[in-house]
Amino acid sequence: IAFDATGLVVAIAQQHDTGEILMVAYMNREAVVETLTTGTVCYWSRSRMKLWRKGESSGQSQRLKEFRVDCDGDAVLVKVDQAGVACHTGRRDCFFRVVRDETAAAIALENRELDVFFALQSPDVIERLRRANGVTLLDRPANNTANLVLNTTAGPLADVRVRRAIIHALNRKALIDGFFRGTKFEATSVLTSTFQEFSDEGVPRYPYDPDRARALLREAGVSNFRFEITTVGLNPFDRFPVPLANDLQQVGIQATVRVLERGAYVQARSSGNLQSCITAVVGPPDPDSPLVTLYHTRSHPPGLNTSRYNRADALLAEAARAPDLAGRRTVYNRLLRQVMEDVPVIPLYADRLFIAHGPNVQGFVQNSLFTVNASPVSLRGA
C-alpha cells in the first residue's frame, strides 16, 4: 500500500452484497493491520488524530468481508457488512446529496435553449444570470420564511430562557450574508413585509449575542444538553442547518443535524416527537397561512405546529373578527409580539424569489408565491 506523506491511504467502504458505496475515510498502517487482524473495520480520524473503530460508540459497525488494493496502491476498497447506517446524519450511506446542476440550466438559458429558469437557488448562478446578455433576472420578496421550530414540551426547550438562548446564539445575519450571499432577507417574524397586515412595531428582536445566550443557559440551569435539528434532504435545507449547529456548539449546546429523505422527514415531523425541525410554510398572501399553520392548536402534530404552541388561538380568532385592515394589523401585531416573546418558532430568514427568462419571453409578471401565472406570457415569434 502506498501511504501518502502523512501516512494515510484513502479507504472506500462498500456493502459487500449490494455494491452500494457507503462512505469514504482514511486508514493508516495501524488501522489496516487492525482491520485485517480483527475483521472489524478501523479507520484513522484526521480530526481527532486517533484510531476510529467504526461503530465503537454508535453500534453501527462494519464487518470486513473483503479487502482490496487498487492498481496504484494509493486507495483501498473494504467490502463490508454494514450494521445499521454508515453516515453520521442517520443515512444508510454518506452519498445522499444529489447535485442539481443549476449552472447547466443557466448555460442553456444563455444559449437560448431555455426560455424561463424558475426558482433559482445558487448565489453563483444568480449573479451569473444578473450579468448575462439578453437575460432578464427578476427577484422579489416571497411570502414565506424558513424557520427552526422548537418543541416546547421537550426537556430544556420547555423553558423560554433556553429558547431565547438558542435564538441569541444563531448568527442569522451571517447565514444570510455569508451562506446565502445576500439572496435572502432578514426575518423578524414568520410574517414577511409582503403581507399588507405586516407590522413589526414592538416585536422583540434577538441580535446575535453568544454571551447573552450563555448567560440565559446558566440562568436556566442548563448546560451541555443534546439538541438535534431535523431537516429534509433538499437544497438548501440540507445544508444551511450545519452552520446553525456550529453556532449552538459555541455556546455549549451539543447540536447535531439529522437529514432525512422527504418521506421520512414528513413522517418524523408528523409524529410530533422531534426536538426541532426546519419548516418553511408556502401559501397564499393571507397571514393566517403561516400563523395558523405554525401556532394554532388545531395544527398540532400531525400538523406543522410541532412546537405544540397553545397561546395563539384567541388572538387568531380576534383577527378573523376584525372589521377592517387596520384592525387586523393591530391584532396580528399583538400576536407577533407574543410569539416572539415566547419563541416557539425561530424565523431564520425571509425567502426571496429569483426567476430568469430569455429575450423572447414577454408578459411575464412575477408574484410572491412559488408559482407562475403563465396565461399572460407569450414568446416573440411563436
Protein backbone atom coordinates (compact mmCIF):
# COMPACT_ATOMS: atom_id res chain seq x y z
CA ILE A 1 0.00 0.00 0.00
CA ALA A 2 1.35 3.44 -1.00
CA PHE A 3 0.59 5.57 2.05
CA ASP A 4 0.81 9.33 1.41
CA ALA A 5 3.22 11.78 3.06
CA THR A 6 1.03 11.89 6.17
CA GLY A 7 0.95 8.10 6.44
CA LEU A 8 -2.63 7.74 5.21
CA VAL A 9 -4.45 6.00 2.37
CA VAL A 10 -7.99 6.61 1.09
CA ALA A 11 -10.41 3.85 2.15
CA ILE A 12 -13.72 3.29 0.35
CA ALA A 13 -16.35 1.25 2.17
CA GLN A 14 -18.77 -0.78 0.02
CA GLN A 15 -21.64 -3.03 1.09
CA HIS A 16 -20.44 -6.47 0.02
CA ASP A 17 -23.74 -7.91 -1.25
CA THR A 18 -25.42 -4.88 -2.88
CA GLY A 19 -22.41 -2.95 -4.17
CA GLU A 20 -23.62 0.35 -2.66
CA ILE A 21 -20.85 2.79 -1.73
CA LEU A 22 -21.29 3.59 1.96
CA MET A 23 -18.57 6.10 2.85
CA VAL A 24 -15.01 7.28 2.26
CA ALA A 25 -12.48 7.64 5.06
CA TYR A 26 -8.74 7.18 5.69
CA MET A 27 -6.58 4.45 7.14
CA ASN A 28 -3.04 4.45 8.42
CA ARG A 29 -0.84 1.35 8.67
CA GLU A 30 -2.10 0.54 12.17
CA ALA A 31 -5.75 0.78 11.06
CA VAL A 32 -5.09 -1.53 8.10
CA VAL A 33 -3.40 -4.11 10.33
CA GLU A 34 -6.20 -3.96 12.92
CA THR A 35 -8.88 -4.28 10.23
CA LEU A 36 -7.23 -7.35 8.70
CA THR A 37 -6.47 -8.89 12.08
CA THR A 38 -9.83 -8.39 13.83
CA GLY A 39 -12.24 -8.42 10.89
CA THR A 40 -13.85 -5.23 12.21
CA VAL A 41 -13.12 -2.15 10.09
CA CYS A 42 -10.95 0.51 11.71
CA TYR A 43 -10.11 3.93 10.24
CA TRP A 44 -7.90 6.86 11.19
CA SER A 45 -9.74 10.02 12.28
CA ARG A 46 -7.95 13.08 10.91
CA SER A 47 -9.98 15.44 13.13
CA ARG A 48 -9.42 13.52 16.38
CA MET A 49 -5.97 12.24 15.38
CA LYS A 50 -6.60 8.71 16.63
CA LEU A 51 -7.87 5.33 15.50
CA TRP A 52 -11.59 5.31 14.72
CA ARG A 53 -13.17 1.92 15.20
CA LYS A 54 -16.35 2.24 13.19
CA GLY A 55 -19.38 1.65 15.40
CA GLU A 56 -17.43 1.64 18.66
CA SER A 57 -19.81 4.18 20.22
CA SER A 58 -22.79 4.11 17.83
CA GLY A 59 -23.04 0.36 17.29
CA GLN A 60 -23.04 0.93 13.51
CA SER A 61 -20.07 -1.37 12.96
CA GLN A 62 -18.63 -2.74 9.73
CA ARG A 63 -17.58 -6.39 9.47
CA LEU A 64 -14.89 -6.96 6.86
CA LYS A 65 -15.81 -9.28 4.01
CA GLU A 66 -13.02 -8.47 1.55
CA PHE A 67 -10.05 -6.10 1.43
CA ARG A 68 -8.79 -4.85 -1.94
CA VAL A 69 -5.98 -2.53 -3.02
CA ASP A 70 -6.23 -0.52 -6.26
CA CYS A 71 -3.76 -0.83 -9.16
CA ASP A 72 -1.54 2.04 -7.97
CA GLY A 73 -1.72 1.06 -4.33
CA ASP A 74 -2.93 4.53 -3.29
CA ALA A 75 -6.51 3.56 -2.35
CA VAL A 76 -8.15 0.59 -0.69
CA LEU A 77 -11.64 -0.87 -1.02
CA VAL A 78 -13.15 -2.52 2.03
CA LYS A 79 -16.16 -4.67 1.26
CA VAL A 80 -18.17 -4.84 4.45
CA ASP A 81 -21.37 -5.91 6.09
CA GLN A 82 -22.73 -2.65 7.47
CA ALA A 83 -24.73 -2.84 10.71
CA GLY A 84 -27.35 -0.09 10.65
CA VAL A 85 -26.33 3.12 8.93
CA ALA A 86 -22.92 4.31 7.79
CA CYS A 87 -23.45 8.08 7.88
CA HIS A 88 -23.49 10.28 10.99
CA THR A 89 -26.62 12.02 9.60
CA GLY A 90 -28.60 8.81 10.06
CA ARG A 91 -28.49 7.88 6.38
CA ARG A 92 -27.62 4.45 5.11
CA ASP A 93 -24.69 5.94 3.19
CA CYS A 94 -22.87 9.27 3.01
CA PHE A 95 -23.68 9.94 -0.66
CA PHE A 96 -27.26 11.20 -0.45
CA ARG A 97 -26.85 14.74 -1.79
CA VAL A 98 -27.90 14.95 -5.41
CA VAL A 99 -26.24 17.80 -7.26
CA ARG A 100 -28.86 19.52 -9.40
CA ASP A 101 -26.76 21.45 -11.83
CA GLU A 102 -28.16 24.97 -12.00
CA THR A 103 -25.07 26.02 -13.94
CA ALA A 104 -26.06 23.75 -16.83
CA ALA A 105 -29.53 25.28 -16.87
CA ALA A 106 -28.03 28.78 -16.79
CA ILE A 107 -25.85 27.97 -19.81
CA ALA A 108 -28.89 26.61 -21.65
CA LEU A 109 -30.77 29.85 -20.92
CA GLU A 110 -27.85 31.96 -22.18
CA ASN A 111 -27.72 29.83 -25.34
CA ARG A 112 -31.50 30.31 -25.94
CA GLU A 113 -32.12 26.60 -25.36
CA LEU A 114 -34.40 27.51 -22.44
CA ASP A 115 -36.84 30.39 -22.14
CA VAL A 116 -37.57 30.52 -18.39
CA PHE A 117 -35.48 29.40 -15.40
CA PHE A 118 -37.72 29.15 -12.32
CA ALA A 119 -36.79 29.07 -8.59
CA LEU A 120 -33.07 29.75 -8.74
CA GLN A 121 -31.18 28.97 -5.54
CA SER A 122 -27.43 29.12 -6.24
CA PRO A 123 -25.90 32.54 -5.46
CA ASP A 124 -23.25 31.92 -8.13
CA VAL A 125 -25.85 31.21 -10.81
CA ILE A 126 -27.98 34.18 -9.73
CA GLU A 127 -25.01 36.51 -10.08
CA ARG A 128 -24.03 34.95 -13.41
CA LEU A 129 -27.50 35.50 -14.90
CA ARG A 130 -27.68 39.01 -13.48
CA ARG A 131 -24.71 39.89 -15.72
CA ALA A 132 -25.68 37.76 -18.75
CA ASN A 133 -26.54 39.47 -22.03
CA GLY A 134 -30.11 39.00 -23.17
CA VAL A 135 -31.26 37.53 -19.84
CA THR A 136 -33.76 39.27 -17.56
CA LEU A 137 -33.44 38.36 -13.88
CA LEU A 138 -36.48 39.04 -11.71
CA ASP A 139 -36.45 38.94 -7.94
CA ARG A 140 -38.82 39.96 -5.20
CA PRO A 141 -39.56 39.10 -1.56
CA ALA A 142 -41.54 35.91 -1.03
CA ASN A 143 -44.45 35.27 1.33
CA ASN A 144 -42.60 32.68 3.34
CA THR A 145 -39.85 32.29 5.88
CA ALA A 146 -37.60 29.36 6.74
CA ASN A 147 -37.89 28.56 10.44
CA LEU A 148 -36.40 26.49 13.20
CA VAL A 149 -39.41 25.11 15.11
CA LEU A 150 -38.69 24.20 18.75
CA ASN A 151 -40.71 21.55 20.57
CA THR A 152 -41.73 23.48 23.71
CA THR A 153 -42.61 20.26 25.51
CA ALA A 154 -39.18 18.63 25.03
CA GLY A 155 -36.98 18.84 28.12
CA PRO A 156 -34.99 22.08 28.42
CA LEU A 157 -36.92 23.60 25.48
CA ALA A 158 -39.92 24.00 27.79
CA ASP A 159 -38.01 26.88 29.42
CA VAL A 160 -38.39 30.12 27.43
CA ARG A 161 -34.92 31.17 28.58
CA VAL A 162 -33.43 28.21 26.72
CA ARG A 163 -35.39 29.09 23.58
CA ARG A 164 -34.20 32.68 23.81
CA ALA A 165 -30.65 31.46 24.33
CA ILE A 166 -30.91 29.46 21.10
CA ILE A 167 -32.09 32.42 19.04
CA HIS A 168 -29.37 34.67 20.53
CA ALA A 169 -26.77 32.00 19.67
CA LEU A 170 -27.72 31.85 15.98
CA ASN A 171 -25.84 34.23 13.70
CA ARG A 172 -28.72 34.64 11.28
CA LYS A 173 -27.17 37.68 9.59
CA ALA A 174 -24.03 35.68 8.81
CA LEU A 175 -26.25 32.94 7.38
CA ILE A 176 -27.87 35.45 5.02
CA ASP A 177 -24.73 37.40 4.13
CA GLY A 178 -22.28 34.51 4.09
CA PHE A 179 -24.01 31.25 3.25
CA PHE A 180 -26.72 32.76 1.04
CA ARG A 181 -24.59 35.75 -0.05
CA GLY A 182 -27.41 38.22 0.28
CA THR A 183 -30.00 36.23 -1.69
CA LYS A 184 -32.33 36.06 1.36
CA PHE A 185 -33.78 38.72 3.68
CA GLU A 186 -33.79 39.18 7.44
CA ALA A 187 -36.96 37.90 9.13
CA THR A 188 -38.27 39.49 12.32
CA SER A 189 -41.21 37.07 12.50
CA VAL A 190 -42.93 34.44 10.35
CA LEU A 191 -44.80 37.21 8.52
CA THR A 192 -42.82 38.97 5.80
CA SER A 193 -43.21 42.51 4.51
CA THR A 194 -45.18 41.18 1.52
CA PHE A 195 -48.28 40.86 3.74
CA GLN A 196 -50.36 44.03 3.93
CA GLU A 197 -51.12 43.15 7.55
CA PHE A 198 -47.40 43.08 8.40
CA SER A 199 -46.14 45.25 11.26
CA ASP A 200 -43.01 44.65 13.30
CA GLU A 201 -43.56 47.56 15.68
CA GLY A 202 -42.68 46.43 19.20
CA VAL A 203 -41.84 42.89 18.07
CA PRO A 204 -38.85 41.65 20.11
CA ARG A 205 -35.54 41.42 18.28
CA TYR A 206 -32.84 38.91 19.16
CA PRO A 207 -29.44 40.04 17.86
CA TYR A 208 -26.60 37.57 17.63
CA ASP A 209 -25.16 37.57 21.16
CA PRO A 210 -23.35 34.38 22.28
CA ASP A 211 -22.57 35.87 25.70
CA ARG A 212 -26.25 36.57 26.31
CA ALA A 213 -27.06 33.03 25.15
CA ARG A 214 -24.59 31.54 27.64
CA ALA A 215 -25.98 33.74 30.42
CA LEU A 216 -29.56 32.60 29.71
CA LEU A 217 -28.49 28.96 29.74
CA ARG A 218 -26.76 29.45 33.11
CA GLU A 219 -29.84 31.22 34.43
CA ALA A 220 -31.97 28.26 33.32
CA GLY A 221 -29.52 25.81 34.92
CA VAL A 222 -28.90 24.10 31.58
CA SER A 223 -25.52 23.02 30.29
CA ASN A 224 -24.29 20.72 27.53
CA PHE A 225 -27.72 19.46 26.58
CA ARG A 226 -28.12 17.48 23.39
CA PHE A 227 -30.09 19.23 20.67
CA GLU A 228 -30.96 17.73 17.29
CA ILE A 229 -32.08 19.69 14.24
CA THR A 230 -34.06 17.53 11.82
CA THR A 231 -34.31 18.72 8.24
CA VAL A 232 -35.24 17.47 4.78
CA GLY A 233 -32.66 16.38 2.22
CA LEU A 234 -33.47 19.11 -0.32
CA ASN A 235 -31.38 22.09 -1.33
CA PRO A 236 -30.79 24.36 0.60
CA PHE A 237 -32.48 22.85 3.67
CA ASP A 238 -29.96 20.02 3.94
CA ARG A 239 -27.01 22.42 4.06
CA PHE A 240 -27.70 25.62 5.99
CA PRO A 241 -28.54 23.89 9.32
CA VAL A 242 -24.85 22.91 9.62
CA PRO A 243 -23.63 26.47 10.42
CA LEU A 244 -26.59 26.79 12.80
CA ALA A 245 -25.41 23.73 14.70
CA ASN A 246 -21.89 25.18 14.79
CA ASP A 247 -23.25 28.40 16.31
CA LEU A 248 -25.06 26.44 19.01
CA GLN A 249 -21.97 24.40 19.83
CA GLN A 250 -20.11 27.64 20.53
CA VAL A 251 -22.42 28.36 23.48
CA GLY A 252 -22.27 24.85 24.91
CA ILE A 253 -25.27 23.21 23.23
CA GLN A 254 -24.40 19.80 21.79
CA ALA A 255 -26.17 20.39 18.50
CA THR A 256 -26.33 17.88 15.65
CA VAL A 257 -28.15 17.83 12.30
CA ARG A 258 -30.21 14.91 11.03
CA VAL A 259 -31.04 14.95 7.31
CA LEU A 260 -33.93 12.78 6.14
CA GLU A 261 -35.39 11.98 2.74
CA ARG A 262 -38.64 13.84 2.15
CA GLY A 263 -40.94 10.96 3.03
CA ALA A 264 -39.01 10.06 6.17
CA TYR A 265 -38.83 13.73 7.15
CA VAL A 266 -42.60 14.24 6.82
CA GLN A 267 -43.24 11.09 8.84
CA ALA A 268 -40.82 12.15 11.60
CA ARG A 269 -42.23 15.67 11.73
CA SER A 270 -45.81 14.40 11.82
CA SER A 271 -45.02 12.22 14.82
CA GLY A 272 -44.54 15.34 16.94
CA ASN A 273 -41.60 13.77 18.75
CA LEU A 274 -38.80 15.87 17.26
CA GLN A 275 -36.81 18.30 19.40
CA SER A 276 -36.70 20.72 16.49
CA CYS A 277 -37.10 20.81 12.75
CA ILE A 278 -36.63 23.15 9.81
CA THR A 279 -40.03 24.17 8.42
CA ALA A 280 -40.98 26.59 5.65
CA VAL A 281 -44.65 27.41 5.06
CA VAL A 282 -45.54 28.39 1.49
CA GLY A 283 -49.05 29.63 0.85
CA PRO A 284 -51.27 32.47 -0.32
CA PRO A 285 -50.77 36.10 0.79
CA ASP A 286 -53.03 35.54 3.79
CA PRO A 287 -51.34 35.95 7.21
CA ASP A 288 -53.38 33.06 8.56
CA SER A 289 -51.47 30.74 6.25
CA PRO A 290 -48.22 30.86 8.28
CA LEU A 291 -49.78 31.92 11.60
CA VAL A 292 -52.48 29.25 11.86
CA THR A 293 -50.17 26.63 10.41
CA LEU A 294 -47.37 27.27 12.88
CA TYR A 295 -49.19 28.46 16.02
CA HIS A 296 -52.83 27.27 16.21
CA THR A 297 -53.60 24.23 18.37
CA ARG A 298 -55.55 22.63 15.52
CA SER A 299 -52.21 22.43 13.70
CA HIS A 300 -50.59 20.34 16.43
CA PRO A 301 -48.96 17.17 15.05
CA PRO A 302 -49.52 15.64 12.60
CA GLY A 303 -49.87 19.30 11.55
CA LEU A 304 -46.93 21.72 11.29
CA ASN A 305 -47.28 23.21 14.80
CA THR A 306 -44.57 20.84 16.04
CA SER A 307 -43.68 23.38 18.73
CA ARG A 308 -47.05 22.44 20.31
CA TYR A 309 -47.63 26.13 20.98
CA ASN A 310 -51.05 26.78 22.57
CA ARG A 311 -51.36 30.52 23.21
CA ALA A 312 -52.36 31.86 19.77
CA ASP A 313 -55.92 30.62 19.25
CA ALA A 314 -57.75 33.54 20.88
CA LEU A 315 -55.77 36.21 19.04
CA LEU A 316 -56.19 34.43 15.71
CA ALA A 317 -59.95 34.31 16.30
CA GLU A 318 -59.95 38.02 17.21
CA ALA A 319 -58.07 38.87 13.99
CA ALA A 320 -60.66 36.93 11.98
CA ARG A 321 -63.43 39.06 13.54
CA ALA A 322 -61.67 42.39 12.93
CA PRO A 323 -63.80 44.54 10.59
CA ASP A 324 -61.01 46.14 8.54
CA LEU A 325 -57.34 46.03 7.60
CA ALA A 326 -56.26 48.39 10.38
CA GLY A 327 -57.99 46.24 12.98
CA ARG A 328 -56.44 43.05 11.64
CA ARG A 329 -52.99 44.62 11.53
CA THR A 330 -53.32 45.65 15.18
CA VAL A 331 -54.33 42.17 16.35
CA TYR A 332 -51.70 40.41 14.23
CA ASN A 333 -49.08 42.74 15.67
CA ARG A 334 -50.10 41.76 19.19
CA LEU A 335 -49.82 38.12 18.18
CA LEU A 336 -46.37 38.60 16.64
CA ARG A 337 -45.14 40.36 19.77
CA GLN A 338 -46.42 37.49 21.89
CA VAL A 339 -44.99 34.64 19.83
CA MET A 340 -41.62 36.35 19.53
CA GLU A 341 -41.59 36.78 23.31
CA ASP A 342 -42.31 33.06 23.70
CA VAL A 343 -40.08 31.96 20.77
CA PRO A 344 -41.61 28.59 19.90
CA VAL A 345 -40.51 29.27 16.32
CA ILE A 346 -37.26 30.97 15.26
CA PRO A 347 -37.54 32.74 11.87
CA LEU A 348 -34.18 32.17 10.18
CA TYR A 349 -34.66 34.18 7.01
CA ALA A 350 -37.32 35.55 4.70
CA ASP A 351 -37.20 33.96 1.29
CA ARG A 352 -36.52 35.77 -1.95
CA LEU A 353 -37.71 34.55 -5.33
CA PHE A 354 -35.45 34.59 -8.38
CA ILE A 355 -36.66 33.84 -11.90
CA ALA A 356 -34.75 34.43 -15.13
CA HIS A 357 -36.03 34.48 -18.69
CA GLY A 358 -34.64 34.97 -22.16
CA PRO A 359 -35.25 37.80 -24.65
CA ASN A 360 -38.14 36.08 -26.41
CA VAL A 361 -40.35 35.99 -23.31
CA GLN A 362 -42.90 38.77 -22.94
CA GLY A 363 -45.73 39.45 -20.50
CA PHE A 364 -44.01 37.71 -17.61
CA VAL A 365 -45.11 39.06 -14.21
CA GLN A 366 -43.60 37.67 -11.03
CA ASN A 367 -45.72 37.15 -7.93
CA SER A 368 -44.75 36.49 -4.30
CA LEU A 369 -45.56 32.78 -4.49
CA PHE A 370 -43.57 29.79 -5.69
CA THR A 371 -45.93 29.65 -8.66
CA VAL A 372 -46.09 31.23 -12.11
CA ASN A 373 -49.18 32.55 -13.86
CA ALA A 374 -48.44 31.56 -17.43
CA SER A 375 -51.63 32.91 -19.05
CA PRO A 376 -50.23 36.39 -19.96
CA VAL A 377 -46.85 35.02 -21.07
CA SER A 378 -46.01 34.65 -24.74
CA LEU A 379 -42.92 34.11 -26.89
CA ARG A 380 -41.95 36.52 -29.63
CA GLY A 381 -42.24 34.86 -33.00
CA ALA A 382 -44.18 31.91 -31.62
